[in-house]
Amino acid sequence: MQTQLGKWGNSTGLRIPAEMLVHLGGDKNARVEISPLPEGGLLIRPVAQAQPRSKTPAEWAEQLRALQRSMPMGHSVVRQMRDEEL
């Protein structure tokens, strides 16, 4: 398949037809890696996106325990309000 290069600001852009874009995941804003081939030409590959790892239940529990430990322990707010009324 042939396509066309075009000026894009101070750079040169490559038009990628929609039927070829599906090979890059279909994302028009996808990040790609471009490498020269020894025999000439370019190799265009999608850059793998790192998926954020979700926390395990144990990690969530530890985070909550750490937050709880950082909270100041004091008198009950209700008790404090009652005592201040007297």
C-alpha atoms as a PDB file:
ATOM      1  CA  MET A   1       0.000   0.000   0.000  1.00  0.00           C
ATOM      2  CA  GLN A   2       1.307   3.438  -0.852  1.00  0.00           C
ATOM      3  CA  THR A   3       0.799   6.566   1.213  1.00  0.00           C
ATOM      4  CA  GLN A   4       2.183  10.078   1.252  1.00  0.00           C
ATOM      5  CA  LEU A   5       4.591  12.093   3.392  1.00  0.00           C
ATOM      6  CA  GLY A   6       3.585  15.642   4.204  1.00  0.00           C
ATOM      7  CA  LYS A   7       4.900  18.689   6.021  1.00  0.00           C
ATOM      8  CA  TRP A   8       3.783  18.923   9.634  1.00  0.00           C
ATOM      9  CA  GLY A   9       5.228  22.043  11.296  1.00  0.00           C
ATOM     10  CA  ASN A  10       9.019  21.699  11.117  1.00  0.00           C
ATOM     11  CA  SER A  11       8.708  17.929  10.727  1.00  0.00           C
ATOM     12  CA  THR A  12       7.496  15.484   8.143  1.00  0.00           C
ATOM     13  CA  GLY A  13       4.377  13.444   8.840  1.00  0.00           C
ATOM     14  CA  LEU A  14       3.430  10.053   7.466  1.00  0.00           C
ATOM     15  CA  ARG A  15      -0.219   9.416   6.629  1.00  0.00           C
ATOM     16  CA  ILE A  16      -1.310   6.032   7.860  1.00  0.00           C
ATOM     17  CA  PRO A  17      -4.503   4.811   6.184  1.00  0.00           C
ATOM     18  CA  ALA A  18      -7.295   3.643   8.515  1.00  0.00           C
ATOM     19  CA  GLU A  19      -6.987   0.050   7.308  1.00  0.00           C
ATOM     20  CA  MET A  20      -3.319   0.082   8.426  1.00  0.00           C
ATOM     21  CA  LEU A  21      -4.033   1.914  11.687  1.00  0.00           C
ATOM     22  CA  VAL A  22      -5.791  -1.178  13.043  1.00  0.00           C
ATOM     23  CA  HIS A  23      -2.353  -2.854  13.140  1.00  0.00           C
ATOM     24  CA  LEU A  24      -1.282  -0.155  15.621  1.00  0.00           C
ATOM     25  CA  GLY A  25      -4.280  -0.771  17.859  1.00  0.00           C
ATOM     26  CA  GLY A  26      -6.574   1.677  16.054  1.00  0.00           C
ATOM     27  CA  ASP A  27      -5.542   4.586  18.279  1.00  0.00           C
ATOM     28  CA  LYS A  28      -4.870   7.760  16.289  1.00  0.00           C
ATOM     29  CA  ASN A  29      -2.762   9.055  19.196  1.00  0.00           C
ATOM     30  CA  ALA A  30      -0.826   5.825  19.753  1.00  0.00           C
ATOM     31  CA  ARG A  31       2.875   6.088  20.469  1.00  0.00           C
ATOM     32  CA  VAL A  32       5.018   4.220  17.972  1.00  0.00           C
ATOM     33  CA  GLU A  33       8.655   3.281  17.686  1.00  0.00           C
ATOM     34  CA  ILE A  34      10.310   3.894  14.329  1.00  0.00           C
ATOM     35  CA  SER A  35      13.506   2.015  13.453  1.00  0.00           C
ATOM     36  CA  PRO A  36      15.547   2.059  10.247  1.00  0.00           C
ATOM     37  CA  LEU A  37      15.867  -1.275   8.453  1.00  0.00           C
ATOM     38  CA  PRO A  38      19.349  -2.317   7.257  1.00  0.00           C
ATOM     39  CA  GLU A  39      18.083  -2.941   3.714  1.00  0.00           C
ATOM     40  CA  GLY A  40      16.383   0.472   3.663  1.00  0.00           C
ATOM     41  CA  GLY A  41      12.965   1.584   4.786  1.00  0.00           C
ATOM     42  CA  LEU A  42      11.436   1.948   8.215  1.00  0.00           C
ATOM     43  CA  LEU A  43       9.879  -0.393  10.727  1.00  0.00           C
ATOM     44  CA  ILE A  44       6.945   1.119  12.658  1.00  0.00           C
ATOM     45  CA  ARG A  45       5.808  -0.696  15.811  1.00  0.00           C
ATOM     46  CA  PRO A  46       3.377   0.297  18.547  1.00  0.00           C
ATOM     47  CA  VAL A  47       4.934   1.082  21.917  1.00  0.00           C
ATOM     48  CA  ALA A  48       3.540  -1.213  24.582  1.00  0.00           C
ATOM     49  CA  GLN A  49       1.652   0.772  27.186  1.00  0.00           C
ATOM     50  CA  ALA A  50       2.419  -0.195  30.755  1.00  0.00           C
ATOM     51  CA  GLN A  51      -0.816  -1.154  32.460  1.00  0.00           C
ATOM     52  CA  PRO A  52      -1.119   0.156  36.000  1.00  0.00           C
ATOM     53  CA  ARG A  53      -1.097  -2.790  38.362  1.00  0.00           C
ATOM     54  CA  SER A  54      -4.073  -2.870  40.670  1.00  0.00           C
ATOM     55  CA  LYS A  55      -3.434  -3.457  44.336  1.00  0.00           C
ATOM     56  CA  THR A  56      -4.117  -6.792  45.940  1.00  0.00           C
ATOM     57  CA  PRO A  57      -6.554  -6.932  48.875  1.00  0.00           C
ATOM     58  CA  ALA A  58      -3.570  -7.368  51.210  1.00  0.00           C
ATOM     59  CA  GLU A  59      -1.924  -4.218  49.805  1.00  0.00           C
ATOM     60  CA  TRP A  60      -5.167  -2.245  50.265  1.00  0.00           C
ATOM     61  CA  ALA A  61      -5.468  -3.519  53.835  1.00  0.00           C
ATOM     62  CA  GLU A  62      -1.869  -2.545  54.635  1.00  0.00           C
ATOM     63  CA  GLN A  63      -2.401   0.933  53.168  1.00  0.00           C
ATOM     64  CA  LEU A  64      -5.522   1.387  55.308  1.00  0.00           C
ATOM     65  CA  ARG A  65      -3.676   0.179  58.436  1.00  0.00           C
ATOM     66  CA  ALA A  66      -0.834   2.629  57.740  1.00  0.00           C
ATOM     67  CA  LEU A  67      -3.308   5.493  57.317  1.00  0.00           C
ATOM     68  CA  GLN A  68      -5.089   4.482  60.498  1.00  0.00           C
ATOM     69  CA  ARG A  69      -1.767   4.428  62.408  1.00  0.00           C
ATOM     70  CA  SER A  70      -1.056   7.969  61.196  1.00  0.00           C
ATOM     71  CA  MET A  71      -4.352   9.306  62.590  1.00  0.00           C
ATOM     72  CA  PRO A  72      -4.053  10.990  65.970  1.00  0.00           C
ATOM     73  CA  MET A  73      -5.763   9.079  68.729  1.00  0.00           C
ATOM     74  CA  GLY A  74      -7.645  11.332  71.103  1.00  0.00           C
ATOM     75  CA  HIS A  75     -10.856  11.688  73.025  1.00  0.00           C
ATOM     76  CA  SER A  76     -14.157  11.034  71.406  1.00  0.00           C
ATOM     77  CA  VAL A  77     -15.475  14.116  69.630  1.00  0.00           C
ATOM     78  CA  VAL A  78     -18.922  13.581  71.164  1.00  0.00           C
ATOM     79  CA  ARG A  79     -17.376  13.226  74.640  1.00  0.00           C
ATOM     80  CA  GLN A  80     -15.312  16.361  74.079  1.00  0.00           C
ATOM     81  CA  MET A  81     -18.366  18.354  72.996  1.00  0.00           C
ATOM     82  CA  ARG A  82     -20.374  17.083  75.984  1.00  0.00           C
ATOM     83  CA  ASP A  83     -17.561  17.969  78.398  1.00  0.00           C
ATOM     84  CA  GLU A  84     -17.259  21.467  76.942  1.00  0.00           C
ATOM     85  CA  GLU A  85     -20.976  22.141  77.561  1.00  0.00           C
ATOM     86  CA  LEU A  86     -20.606  21.647  81.301  1.00  0.00           C
END
